[in-house]
Amino acid sequence: MKNLKRYILPLAILAVLAAALALFLSRLGSEHPSQAADGTPWDESWTMIGSVLGVEDPGNGFTLLDNNTVLASNDLYYASWTCGEAAPYTNDEGDEVDLYPAQLYLLLQGCADAENARKAAEAWSDRERETYTVREERTQTINGQDYTLLLYDCASETNPYSRGVSAFTVYGASAVSVELTCQDGFTGDELVILTDFLGGFHYGTAGA
């Protein structure tokens, strides 16, 4: 799983995956809800994240790279999309990985209840505030769902990405983290790309 190497995956996701990958198992997928929470009929072309979330194609040149239906027995789901051509990159541990001009990451954690989901989302966002240089923080409602958005610079010399934007939310008993990281040469507007992406999120009634 080259794209999950250290320093390529954003910190909020990496911290969770480090424990989850040790418990990796496979599952054939989840049953689709009949409709989204807003009454929209469920579209089977959406990328399914667990039984809670359906994601439209993000557009803007991004294509699906990974959709690991379940990473651990504690309802942890992960998917990623990339933009542009991959280039080889060697991290500080000497591992060669594929590096893209920009990459979207989605992590969904199923929790025991809404309070635990809130704590998980807060822990992820707090970790990013401590690690990156946050330029702006805002709350935004997108397609009926409230998100906390962080726009930041990647100050670490070991991180090949220069900037990013992340979104965090809670839906029912699920915590959701979405991150877009970009290299210097990427000319797209990361905030526009991420908000467009979130506009294509459809939460199933099973998550409410």
N, C-alpha and C. Protein backbone atom coordinates (compact mmCIF):
# COMPACT_ATOMS: atom_id res chain seq x y z
N MET A 1 0.85 -1.19 0.00
CA MET A 1 0.00 0.00 0.00
C MET A 1 0.89 1.24 0.00
N LYS A 2 1.51 1.55 -1.16
CA LYS A 2 2.52 2.58 -1.24
C LYS A 2 2.00 3.92 -0.76
N ASN A 3 0.77 4.22 -1.06
CA ASN A 3 0.28 5.55 -0.76
C ASN A 3 0.01 5.76 0.71
N LEU A 4 0.15 4.74 1.55
CA LEU A 4 -0.07 4.88 2.98
C LEU A 4 1.24 5.02 3.75
N LYS A 5 2.36 5.25 3.04
CA LYS A 5 3.64 5.36 3.70
C LYS A 5 3.70 6.62 4.56
N ARG A 6 4.60 6.58 5.53
CA ARG A 6 4.78 7.70 6.43
C ARG A 6 5.15 8.96 5.66
N TYR A 7 4.60 10.10 6.12
CA TYR A 7 4.83 11.42 5.59
C TYR A 7 4.08 11.69 4.29
N ILE A 8 3.42 10.70 3.71
CA ILE A 8 2.59 10.96 2.54
C ILE A 8 1.16 11.11 3.00
N LEU A 9 0.70 10.22 3.84
CA LEU A 9 -0.66 10.30 4.35
C LEU A 9 -0.77 11.41 5.39
N PRO A 10 -1.80 12.28 5.33
CA PRO A 10 -1.92 13.35 6.32
C PRO A 10 -1.98 12.81 7.74
N LEU A 11 -1.54 13.63 8.68
CA LEU A 11 -1.35 13.18 10.05
C LEU A 11 -2.61 12.67 10.71
N ALA A 12 -3.74 13.35 10.52
CA ALA A 12 -4.97 12.93 11.20
C ALA A 12 -5.35 11.52 10.81
N ILE A 13 -5.15 11.17 9.53
CA ILE A 13 -5.47 9.83 9.07
C ILE A 13 -4.39 8.84 9.50
N LEU A 14 -3.11 9.25 9.38
CA LEU A 14 -2.01 8.36 9.69
C LEU A 14 -2.06 7.85 11.12
N ALA A 15 -2.41 8.73 12.06
CA ALA A 15 -2.44 8.33 13.46
C ALA A 15 -3.45 7.23 13.72
N VAL A 16 -4.58 7.28 13.03
CA VAL A 16 -5.61 6.26 13.20
C VAL A 16 -5.22 4.98 12.47
N LEU A 17 -4.68 5.11 11.26
CA LEU A 17 -4.34 3.94 10.47
C LEU A 17 -3.22 3.12 11.08
N ALA A 18 -2.32 3.77 11.82
CA ALA A 18 -1.20 3.06 12.40
C ALA A 18 -1.66 1.90 13.27
N ALA A 19 -2.73 2.14 14.04
CA ALA A 19 -3.28 1.07 14.86
C ALA A 19 -4.19 0.16 14.05
N ALA A 20 -4.95 0.76 13.12
CA ALA A 20 -5.96 0.00 12.39
C ALA A 20 -5.36 -1.01 11.43
N LEU A 21 -4.23 -0.68 10.82
CA LEU A 21 -3.65 -1.58 9.83
C LEU A 21 -3.18 -2.89 10.45
N ALA A 22 -2.86 -2.86 11.74
CA ALA A 22 -2.46 -4.08 12.41
C ALA A 22 -3.62 -5.06 12.53
N LEU A 23 -4.84 -4.54 12.42
CA LEU A 23 -6.04 -5.37 12.53
C LEU A 23 -6.74 -5.55 11.19
N PHE A 24 -5.99 -5.30 10.09
CA PHE A 24 -6.59 -5.28 8.74
C PHE A 24 -7.34 -6.58 8.44
N LEU A 25 -8.53 -6.42 7.87
CA LEU A 25 -9.29 -7.56 7.39
C LEU A 25 -10.10 -7.11 6.20
N SER A 26 -10.62 -8.02 5.46
CA SER A 26 -11.40 -7.67 4.27
C SER A 26 -12.87 -7.99 4.50
N ARG A 27 -13.73 -7.24 3.79
CA ARG A 27 -15.16 -7.48 3.82
C ARG A 27 -15.73 -7.10 2.47
N LEU A 28 -16.79 -7.74 2.03
CA LEU A 28 -17.28 -7.59 0.67
C LEU A 28 -18.07 -6.32 0.41
N GLY A 29 -18.29 -5.51 1.38
CA GLY A 29 -19.01 -4.26 1.12
C GLY A 29 -20.29 -4.18 1.92
N SER A 30 -20.88 -3.04 1.92
CA SER A 30 -22.05 -2.78 2.74
C SER A 30 -23.29 -2.62 1.89
N GLU A 31 -24.41 -2.94 2.47
CA GLU A 31 -25.67 -2.78 1.77
C GLU A 31 -25.97 -1.31 1.60
N HIS A 32 -26.39 -0.92 0.38
CA HIS A 32 -26.70 0.47 0.12
C HIS A 32 -28.01 0.85 0.78
N PRO A 33 -28.07 2.08 1.37
CA PRO A 33 -29.37 2.59 1.83
C PRO A 33 -30.30 2.79 0.63
N SER A 34 -31.59 2.85 0.86
CA SER A 34 -32.53 3.08 -0.23
C SER A 34 -32.55 4.54 -0.66
N GLN A 35 -32.21 5.45 0.27
CA GLN A 35 -32.19 6.86 -0.05
C GLN A 35 -31.29 7.60 0.91
N ALA A 36 -30.89 8.81 0.50
CA ALA A 36 -30.09 9.66 1.39
C ALA A 36 -30.99 10.29 2.43
N ALA A 37 -30.39 10.88 3.45
CA ALA A 37 -31.16 11.47 4.55
C ALA A 37 -32.08 12.59 4.08
N ASP A 38 -31.70 13.27 2.97
CA ASP A 38 -32.55 14.35 2.47
C ASP A 38 -33.64 13.86 1.52
N GLY A 39 -33.75 12.54 1.38
CA GLY A 39 -34.79 11.96 0.53
C GLY A 39 -34.35 11.64 -0.88
N THR A 40 -33.11 11.99 -1.25
CA THR A 40 -32.60 11.70 -2.59
C THR A 40 -32.45 10.20 -2.77
N PRO A 41 -32.98 9.62 -3.86
CA PRO A 41 -32.78 8.19 -4.11
C PRO A 41 -31.29 7.86 -4.18
N TRP A 42 -30.92 6.74 -3.61
CA TRP A 42 -29.51 6.36 -3.57
C TRP A 42 -29.04 5.96 -4.96
N ASP A 43 -27.88 6.47 -5.35
CA ASP A 43 -27.28 6.19 -6.66
C ASP A 43 -26.14 5.20 -6.47
N GLU A 44 -26.27 4.02 -7.05
CA GLU A 44 -25.26 2.99 -6.85
C GLU A 44 -23.93 3.31 -7.51
N SER A 45 -23.85 4.39 -8.31
CA SER A 45 -22.57 4.80 -8.88
C SER A 45 -21.72 5.56 -7.87
N TRP A 46 -22.34 6.02 -6.76
CA TRP A 46 -21.57 6.70 -5.73
C TRP A 46 -20.59 5.72 -5.09
N THR A 47 -19.42 6.24 -4.68
CA THR A 47 -18.47 5.43 -3.93
C THR A 47 -19.01 5.25 -2.52
N MET A 48 -19.21 4.00 -2.12
CA MET A 48 -19.82 3.71 -0.83
C MET A 48 -18.76 3.64 0.26
N ILE A 49 -18.95 4.40 1.32
CA ILE A 49 -18.05 4.39 2.47
C ILE A 49 -18.83 3.80 3.65
N GLY A 50 -18.57 2.53 3.95
CA GLY A 50 -19.35 1.83 4.96
C GLY A 50 -20.80 1.76 4.53
N SER A 51 -21.70 1.86 5.48
CA SER A 51 -23.14 1.88 5.18
C SER A 51 -23.72 3.26 5.40
N VAL A 52 -22.85 4.27 5.59
CA VAL A 52 -23.29 5.60 6.01
C VAL A 52 -23.22 6.62 4.89
N LEU A 53 -22.20 6.55 4.05
CA LEU A 53 -21.88 7.66 3.17
C LEU A 53 -21.70 7.22 1.72
N GLY A 54 -22.35 7.93 0.80
CA GLY A 54 -22.14 7.75 -0.62
C GLY A 54 -21.50 9.00 -1.18
N VAL A 55 -20.45 8.83 -1.99
CA VAL A 55 -19.65 9.96 -2.45
C VAL A 55 -19.66 10.01 -3.97
N GLU A 56 -20.06 11.16 -4.51
CA GLU A 56 -20.02 11.36 -5.95
C GLU A 56 -18.58 11.51 -6.44
N ASP A 57 -18.37 11.27 -7.73
CA ASP A 57 -17.08 11.53 -8.36
C ASP A 57 -16.69 12.97 -8.06
N PRO A 58 -15.49 13.22 -7.52
CA PRO A 58 -15.13 14.58 -7.13
C PRO A 58 -14.89 15.52 -8.30
N GLY A 59 -14.68 14.99 -9.53
CA GLY A 59 -14.39 15.86 -10.65
C GLY A 59 -13.07 16.59 -10.45
N ASN A 60 -12.90 17.74 -11.09
CA ASN A 60 -11.70 18.56 -10.97
C ASN A 60 -10.42 17.77 -11.25
N GLY A 61 -10.53 16.71 -12.07
CA GLY A 61 -9.36 15.94 -12.45
C GLY A 61 -8.98 14.84 -11.48
N PHE A 62 -9.78 14.61 -10.43
CA PHE A 62 -9.46 13.59 -9.43
C PHE A 62 -10.10 12.25 -9.81
N THR A 63 -9.35 11.17 -9.58
CA THR A 63 -9.85 9.82 -9.82
C THR A 63 -9.63 8.97 -8.58
N LEU A 64 -10.50 7.99 -8.39
CA LEU A 64 -10.42 7.12 -7.22
C LEU A 64 -9.16 6.27 -7.26
N LEU A 65 -8.40 6.27 -6.19
CA LEU A 65 -7.20 5.44 -6.08
C LEU A 65 -7.43 4.24 -5.18
N ASP A 66 -7.99 4.47 -4.00
CA ASP A 66 -8.22 3.40 -3.02
C ASP A 66 -9.60 3.53 -2.42
N ASN A 67 -10.24 2.40 -2.18
CA ASN A 67 -11.46 2.37 -1.38
C ASN A 67 -11.42 1.09 -0.56
N ASN A 68 -10.80 1.19 0.60
CA ASN A 68 -10.68 0.04 1.50
C ASN A 68 -11.94 -0.03 2.34
N THR A 69 -12.82 -0.95 1.97
CA THR A 69 -14.15 -1.00 2.55
C THR A 69 -14.11 -1.02 4.07
N VAL A 70 -13.21 -1.78 4.64
CA VAL A 70 -13.07 -1.76 6.10
C VAL A 70 -11.62 -2.07 6.43
N LEU A 71 -11.03 -1.25 7.29
CA LEU A 71 -9.63 -1.43 7.67
C LEU A 71 -9.49 -2.11 9.01
N ALA A 72 -10.51 -2.11 9.81
CA ALA A 72 -10.38 -2.69 11.14
C ALA A 72 -11.75 -3.11 11.64
N SER A 73 -11.73 -3.90 12.70
CA SER A 73 -12.98 -4.41 13.23
C SER A 73 -13.77 -3.34 13.97
N ASN A 74 -13.22 -2.14 14.11
CA ASN A 74 -13.93 -1.07 14.82
C ASN A 74 -14.53 -0.05 13.86
N ASP A 75 -14.97 -0.51 12.68
CA ASP A 75 -15.70 0.36 11.73
C ASP A 75 -14.89 1.56 11.29
N LEU A 76 -13.71 1.33 10.77
CA LEU A 76 -12.87 2.37 10.22
C LEU A 76 -12.81 2.21 8.71
N TYR A 77 -13.18 3.26 7.98
CA TYR A 77 -13.26 3.19 6.52
C TYR A 77 -12.37 4.28 5.91
N TYR A 78 -11.74 3.96 4.78
CA TYR A 78 -10.77 4.86 4.16
C TYR A 78 -10.87 4.81 2.65
N ALA A 79 -10.78 5.99 2.01
CA ALA A 79 -10.72 6.06 0.55
C ALA A 79 -9.87 7.26 0.17
N SER A 80 -9.30 7.22 -1.05
CA SER A 80 -8.50 8.35 -1.52
C SER A 80 -8.65 8.52 -3.02
N TRP A 81 -8.48 9.77 -3.46
CA TRP A 81 -8.56 10.16 -4.86
C TRP A 81 -7.31 10.98 -5.18
N THR A 82 -6.79 10.86 -6.42
CA THR A 82 -5.59 11.58 -6.79
C THR A 82 -5.82 12.43 -8.03
N CYS A 83 -4.97 13.45 -8.18
CA CYS A 83 -5.03 14.33 -9.34
C CYS A 83 -3.63 14.44 -9.95
N GLY A 84 -3.53 14.24 -11.26
CA GLY A 84 -2.25 14.38 -11.93
C GLY A 84 -1.47 13.08 -11.98
N GLU A 85 -0.28 13.17 -12.54
CA GLU A 85 0.58 12.00 -12.71
C GLU A 85 1.43 11.77 -11.47
N ALA A 86 1.59 10.50 -11.11
CA ALA A 86 2.43 10.15 -9.96
C ALA A 86 3.90 10.28 -10.32
N ALA A 87 4.69 10.69 -9.36
CA ALA A 87 6.14 10.75 -9.51
C ALA A 87 6.76 10.00 -8.34
N PRO A 88 7.88 9.34 -8.54
CA PRO A 88 8.52 8.63 -7.43
C PRO A 88 9.05 9.61 -6.40
N TYR A 89 8.90 9.24 -5.14
CA TYR A 89 9.37 10.08 -4.05
C TYR A 89 9.94 9.16 -2.97
N THR A 90 11.09 9.51 -2.45
CA THR A 90 11.72 8.73 -1.38
C THR A 90 11.59 9.49 -0.08
N ASN A 91 10.94 8.87 0.90
CA ASN A 91 10.77 9.55 2.18
C ASN A 91 12.03 9.39 3.03
N ASP A 92 12.00 9.96 4.24
CA ASP A 92 13.22 9.98 5.06
C ASP A 92 13.59 8.61 5.61
N GLU A 93 12.72 7.63 5.42
CA GLU A 93 13.04 6.25 5.82
C GLU A 93 13.61 5.45 4.67
N GLY A 94 13.73 6.09 3.50
CA GLY A 94 14.30 5.41 2.35
C GLY A 94 13.30 4.62 1.53
N ASP A 95 12.01 4.78 1.80
CA ASP A 95 10.98 4.07 1.06
C ASP A 95 10.54 4.90 -0.14
N GLU A 96 10.45 4.28 -1.30
CA GLU A 96 9.98 4.98 -2.48
C GLU A 96 8.47 4.82 -2.61
N VAL A 97 7.78 5.93 -2.78
CA VAL A 97 6.32 5.94 -2.85
C VAL A 97 5.88 6.75 -4.06
N ASP A 98 4.62 6.63 -4.42
CA ASP A 98 4.05 7.45 -5.48
C ASP A 98 3.54 8.75 -4.89
N LEU A 99 3.97 9.86 -5.47
CA LEU A 99 3.57 11.18 -5.00
C LEU A 99 2.79 11.89 -6.11
N TYR A 100 1.60 12.37 -5.78
CA TYR A 100 0.73 13.04 -6.75
C TYR A 100 0.73 14.54 -6.48
N PRO A 101 0.45 15.35 -7.50
CA PRO A 101 0.37 16.80 -7.28
C PRO A 101 -0.66 17.18 -6.22
N ALA A 102 -1.76 16.43 -6.14
CA ALA A 102 -2.77 16.67 -5.11
C ALA A 102 -3.48 15.36 -4.82
N GLN A 103 -3.91 15.20 -3.58
CA GLN A 103 -4.59 13.97 -3.20
C GLN A 103 -5.66 14.26 -2.15
N LEU A 104 -6.82 13.64 -2.34
CA LEU A 104 -7.93 13.71 -1.40
C LEU A 104 -7.97 12.44 -0.56
N TYR A 105 -8.20 12.60 0.73
CA TYR A 105 -8.29 11.46 1.64
C TYR A 105 -9.61 11.56 2.43
N LEU A 106 -10.27 10.44 2.59
CA LEU A 106 -11.51 10.41 3.36
C LEU A 106 -11.40 9.29 4.39
N LEU A 107 -11.69 9.64 5.63
CA LEU A 107 -11.68 8.67 6.73
C LEU A 107 -13.00 8.76 7.46
N LEU A 108 -13.66 7.64 7.66
CA LEU A 108 -14.92 7.58 8.42
C LEU A 108 -14.76 6.57 9.54
N GLN A 109 -15.02 7.00 10.76
CA GLN A 109 -14.92 6.15 11.93
C GLN A 109 -16.30 5.96 12.56
N GLY A 110 -16.77 4.71 12.58
CA GLY A 110 -18.01 4.41 13.29
C GLY A 110 -17.74 4.32 14.78
N CYS A 111 -18.56 5.00 15.58
CA CYS A 111 -18.34 5.06 17.03
C CYS A 111 -19.56 4.51 17.77
N ALA A 112 -19.43 4.38 19.07
CA ALA A 112 -20.51 3.82 19.87
C ALA A 112 -21.73 4.73 19.89
N ASP A 113 -21.50 6.04 19.85
CA ASP A 113 -22.60 7.00 19.89
C ASP A 113 -22.11 8.34 19.36
N ALA A 114 -23.01 9.32 19.31
CA ALA A 114 -22.68 10.62 18.75
C ALA A 114 -21.62 11.34 19.57
N GLU A 115 -21.62 11.19 20.89
CA GLU A 115 -20.64 11.85 21.73
C GLU A 115 -19.23 11.33 21.44
N ASN A 116 -19.09 10.02 21.28
CA ASN A 116 -17.78 9.47 20.95
C ASN A 116 -17.34 9.87 19.55
N ALA A 117 -18.29 10.01 18.63
CA ALA A 117 -17.96 10.48 17.28
C ALA A 117 -17.46 11.92 17.34
N ARG A 118 -18.11 12.76 18.15
CA ARG A 118 -17.67 14.14 18.29
C ARG A 118 -16.25 14.20 18.84
N LYS A 119 -15.95 13.36 19.84
CA LYS A 119 -14.61 13.35 20.42
C LYS A 119 -13.57 12.91 19.40
N ALA A 120 -13.92 11.94 18.56
CA ALA A 120 -12.98 11.48 17.54
C ALA A 120 -12.69 12.58 16.53
N ALA A 121 -13.73 13.27 16.07
CA ALA A 121 -13.54 14.36 15.11
C ALA A 121 -12.74 15.50 15.72
N GLU A 122 -12.98 15.81 16.97
CA GLU A 122 -12.22 16.87 17.64
C GLU A 122 -10.76 16.49 17.80
N ALA A 123 -10.50 15.22 18.11
CA ALA A 123 -9.12 14.77 18.26
C ALA A 123 -8.36 14.89 16.94
N TRP A 124 -9.01 14.55 15.83
CA TRP A 124 -8.37 14.68 14.52
C TRP A 124 -8.06 16.14 14.21
N SER A 125 -9.03 17.02 14.42
CA SER A 125 -8.82 18.43 14.09
C SER A 125 -7.78 19.06 15.02
N ASP A 126 -7.78 18.69 16.29
CA ASP A 126 -6.79 19.22 17.22
C ASP A 126 -5.38 18.79 16.81
N ARG A 127 -5.24 17.56 16.33
CA ARG A 127 -3.93 17.07 15.91
C ARG A 127 -3.39 17.88 14.74
N GLU A 128 -4.28 18.26 13.83
CA GLU A 128 -3.83 19.06 12.70
C GLU A 128 -3.47 20.49 13.11
N ARG A 129 -4.22 21.04 14.05
CA ARG A 129 -3.89 22.38 14.53
C ARG A 129 -2.50 22.41 15.17
N GLU A 130 -2.14 21.30 15.83
CA GLU A 130 -0.85 21.21 16.49
C GLU A 130 0.30 20.97 15.51
N THR A 131 -0.01 20.38 14.37
CA THR A 131 1.03 19.95 13.44
C THR A 131 1.27 20.94 12.31
N TYR A 132 0.21 21.52 11.77
CA TYR A 132 0.31 22.42 10.64
C TYR A 132 0.13 23.88 11.07
N THR A 133 0.51 24.78 10.18
CA THR A 133 0.30 26.20 10.42
C THR A 133 -1.06 26.58 9.84
N VAL A 134 -2.06 26.66 10.70
CA VAL A 134 -3.43 26.93 10.26
C VAL A 134 -3.57 28.41 9.90
N ARG A 135 -3.97 28.68 8.66
CA ARG A 135 -4.15 30.04 8.18
C ARG A 135 -5.57 30.55 8.42
N GLU A 136 -6.51 29.63 8.41
CA GLU A 136 -7.91 30.02 8.57
C GLU A 136 -8.71 28.83 9.06
N GLU A 137 -9.68 29.13 9.90
CA GLU A 137 -10.62 28.11 10.38
C GLU A 137 -12.03 28.67 10.22
N ARG A 138 -12.92 27.84 9.70
CA ARG A 138 -14.29 28.31 9.51
C ARG A 138 -15.26 27.14 9.67
N THR A 139 -16.52 27.47 9.91
CA THR A 139 -17.60 26.49 9.92
C THR A 139 -18.47 26.75 8.70
N GLN A 140 -18.78 25.71 7.97
CA GLN A 140 -19.54 25.88 6.73
C GLN A 140 -20.55 24.74 6.58
N THR A 141 -21.76 25.09 6.16
CA THR A 141 -22.79 24.09 5.88
C THR A 141 -22.77 23.80 4.39
N ILE A 142 -22.59 22.52 4.06
CA ILE A 142 -22.49 22.09 2.67
C ILE A 142 -23.45 20.93 2.47
N ASN A 143 -24.39 21.10 1.56
CA ASN A 143 -25.40 20.08 1.28
C ASN A 143 -26.10 19.61 2.56
N GLY A 144 -26.37 20.57 3.45
CA GLY A 144 -27.11 20.28 4.67
C GLY A 144 -26.30 19.77 5.83
N GLN A 145 -24.99 19.59 5.65
CA GLN A 145 -24.14 19.05 6.71
C GLN A 145 -23.15 20.12 7.16
N ASP A 146 -22.97 20.28 8.48
CA ASP A 146 -22.04 21.27 9.03
C ASP A 146 -20.64 20.68 9.12
N TYR A 147 -19.65 21.45 8.63
CA TYR A 147 -18.26 21.03 8.66
C TYR A 147 -17.40 22.11 9.32
N THR A 148 -16.37 21.68 10.03
CA THR A 148 -15.30 22.56 10.47
C THR A 148 -14.18 22.45 9.44
N LEU A 149 -13.79 23.58 8.85
CA LEU A 149 -12.76 23.60 7.82
C LEU A 149 -11.49 24.25 8.36
N LEU A 150 -10.34 23.62 8.07
CA LEU A 150 -9.04 24.17 8.42
C LEU A 150 -8.24 24.34 7.14
N LEU A 151 -7.74 25.55 6.87
CA LEU A 151 -6.84 25.80 5.76
C LEU A 151 -5.45 26.00 6.36
N TYR A 152 -4.46 25.30 5.84
CA TYR A 152 -3.16 25.30 6.52
C TYR A 152 -1.99 25.18 5.54
N ASP A 153 -0.80 25.52 6.07
CA ASP A 153 0.46 25.29 5.38
C ASP A 153 1.15 24.11 6.06
N CYS A 154 1.83 23.30 5.27
CA CYS A 154 2.56 22.15 5.80
C CYS A 154 3.99 22.59 6.07
N ALA A 155 4.30 22.89 7.31
CA ALA A 155 5.59 23.47 7.65
C ALA A 155 6.73 22.46 7.75
N SER A 156 6.41 21.19 7.90
CA SER A 156 7.44 20.18 8.11
C SER A 156 8.30 19.99 6.87
N GLU A 157 9.62 19.90 7.08
CA GLU A 157 10.55 19.67 5.96
C GLU A 157 10.43 18.25 5.42
N THR A 158 9.85 17.35 6.19
CA THR A 158 9.71 15.96 5.76
C THR A 158 8.39 15.71 5.03
N ASN A 159 7.56 16.73 4.92
CA ASN A 159 6.28 16.58 4.23
C ASN A 159 6.41 17.14 2.82
N PRO A 160 6.22 16.33 1.79
CA PRO A 160 6.39 16.82 0.41
C PRO A 160 5.27 17.74 -0.06
N TYR A 161 4.18 17.82 0.70
CA TYR A 161 3.09 18.72 0.34
C TYR A 161 3.30 20.07 1.01
N SER A 162 2.86 21.13 0.32
CA SER A 162 3.10 22.48 0.84
C SER A 162 1.89 23.08 1.55
N ARG A 163 0.69 22.65 1.19
CA ARG A 163 -0.51 23.27 1.77
C ARG A 163 -1.67 22.27 1.71
N GLY A 164 -2.73 22.61 2.43
CA GLY A 164 -3.88 21.72 2.41
C GLY A 164 -5.09 22.36 3.06
N VAL A 165 -6.19 21.65 2.97
CA VAL A 165 -7.42 22.05 3.63
C VAL A 165 -8.13 20.78 4.08
N SER A 166 -8.69 20.82 5.28
CA SER A 166 -9.36 19.65 5.85
C SER A 166 -10.75 20.02 6.34
N ALA A 167 -11.61 19.03 6.36
CA ALA A 167 -12.97 19.21 6.86
C ALA A 167 -13.29 18.09 7.83
N PHE A 168 -14.00 18.43 8.90
CA PHE A 168 -14.36 17.46 9.93
C PHE A 168 -15.84 17.62 10.26
N THR A 169 -16.51 16.49 10.44
CA THR A 169 -17.93 16.54 10.79
C THR A 169 -18.31 15.28 11.54
N VAL A 170 -19.51 15.31 12.08
CA VAL A 170 -20.10 14.14 12.75
C VAL A 170 -21.48 13.92 12.15
N TYR A 171 -21.76 12.68 11.79
CA TYR A 171 -23.10 12.34 11.31
C TYR A 171 -23.58 11.13 12.08
N GLY A 172 -24.59 11.31 12.91
CA GLY A 172 -25.05 10.23 13.76
C GLY A 172 -23.91 9.79 14.67
N ALA A 173 -23.55 8.53 14.62
CA ALA A 173 -22.47 7.99 15.44
C ALA A 173 -21.18 7.83 14.64
N SER A 174 -21.04 8.58 13.55
CA SER A 174 -19.85 8.49 12.69
C SER A 174 -19.10 9.80 12.67
N ALA A 175 -17.77 9.71 12.78
CA ALA A 175 -16.88 10.86 12.62
C ALA A 175 -16.28 10.80 11.23
N VAL A 176 -16.18 11.96 10.56
CA VAL A 176 -15.69 12.03 9.20
C VAL A 176 -14.56 13.05 9.10
N SER A 177 -13.46 12.65 8.47
CA SER A 177 -12.35 13.55 8.18
C SER A 177 -12.08 13.50 6.69
N VAL A 178 -11.98 14.68 6.05
CA VAL A 178 -11.67 14.78 4.63
C VAL A 178 -10.51 15.75 4.48
N GLU A 179 -9.45 15.33 3.77
CA GLU A 179 -8.28 16.18 3.63
C GLU A 179 -7.85 16.26 2.17
N LEU A 180 -7.46 17.45 1.76
CA LEU A 180 -6.87 17.67 0.45
C LEU A 180 -5.50 18.28 0.66
N THR A 181 -4.45 17.59 0.19
CA THR A 181 -3.09 18.10 0.30
C THR A 181 -2.54 18.35 -1.09
N CYS A 182 -1.74 19.42 -1.23
CA CYS A 182 -1.27 19.86 -2.55
C CYS A 182 0.22 20.16 -2.52
N GLN A 183 0.89 19.87 -3.63
CA GLN A 183 2.26 20.29 -3.81
C GLN A 183 2.31 21.74 -4.29
N ASP A 184 3.50 22.32 -4.25
CA ASP A 184 3.67 23.71 -4.67
C ASP A 184 3.18 23.95 -6.08
N GLY A 185 3.46 23.01 -6.98
CA GLY A 185 3.14 23.22 -8.38
C GLY A 185 1.68 23.02 -8.74
N PHE A 186 0.86 22.58 -7.79
CA PHE A 186 -0.56 22.36 -8.07
C PHE A 186 -1.27 23.70 -8.10
N THR A 187 -1.95 24.00 -9.20
CA THR A 187 -2.54 25.33 -9.38
C THR A 187 -4.03 25.41 -9.01
N GLY A 188 -4.64 24.29 -8.67
CA GLY A 188 -6.06 24.32 -8.32
C GLY A 188 -6.31 25.03 -7.00
N ASP A 189 -7.50 25.54 -6.83
CA ASP A 189 -7.91 26.19 -5.59
C ASP A 189 -8.39 25.11 -4.63
N GLU A 190 -7.60 24.84 -3.61
CA GLU A 190 -7.90 23.71 -2.72
C GLU A 190 -9.23 23.86 -1.99
N LEU A 191 -9.60 25.08 -1.61
CA LEU A 191 -10.86 25.28 -0.91
C LEU A 191 -12.04 25.01 -1.83
N VAL A 192 -11.99 25.49 -3.06
CA VAL A 192 -13.06 25.24 -4.02
C VAL A 192 -13.18 23.74 -4.30
N ILE A 193 -12.06 23.07 -4.49
CA ILE A 193 -12.08 21.64 -4.79
C ILE A 193 -12.70 20.86 -3.64
N LEU A 194 -12.29 21.19 -2.41
CA LEU A 194 -12.81 20.43 -1.26
C LEU A 194 -14.30 20.70 -1.06
N THR A 195 -14.74 21.95 -1.17
CA THR A 195 -16.16 22.22 -0.96
C THR A 195 -17.01 21.61 -2.08
N ASP A 196 -16.49 21.60 -3.31
CA ASP A 196 -17.19 20.90 -4.39
C ASP A 196 -17.32 19.42 -4.06
N PHE A 197 -16.26 18.84 -3.56
CA PHE A 197 -16.24 17.42 -3.19
C PHE A 197 -17.27 17.13 -2.10
N LEU A 198 -17.29 17.95 -1.07
CA LEU A 198 -18.23 17.75 0.03
C LEU A 198 -19.67 17.94 -0.44
N GLY A 199 -19.87 18.74 -1.47
CA GLY A 199 -21.22 18.91 -2.01
C GLY A 199 -21.77 17.64 -2.62
N GLY A 200 -20.89 16.70 -2.92
CA GLY A 200 -21.30 15.41 -3.46
C GLY A 200 -21.37 14.31 -2.43
N PHE A 201 -21.39 14.67 -1.14
CA PHE A 201 -21.52 13.69 -0.06
C PHE A 201 -23.00 13.48 0.24
N HIS A 202 -23.40 12.21 0.33
CA HIS A 202 -24.79 11.85 0.63
C HIS A 202 -24.80 10.88 1.79
N TYR A 203 -25.37 11.32 2.90
CA TYR A 203 -25.40 10.51 4.11
C TYR A 203 -26.69 9.68 4.13
N GLY A 204 -26.53 8.38 4.36
CA GLY A 204 -27.67 7.48 4.37
C GLY A 204 -28.45 7.57 5.66
N THR A 205 -29.70 7.18 5.60
CA THR A 205 -30.55 7.25 6.79
C THR A 205 -30.06 6.34 7.88
N ALA A 206 -29.21 5.34 7.54
CA ALA A 206 -28.68 4.44 8.56
C ALA A 206 -27.76 5.16 9.52
N GLY A 207 -27.20 6.33 9.11
CA GLY A 207 -26.30 7.04 9.98
C GLY A 207 -26.97 7.98 10.93
N ALA A 208 -28.25 8.22 10.75
CA ALA A 208 -28.93 9.22 11.58
C ALA A 208 -29.29 8.68 12.94
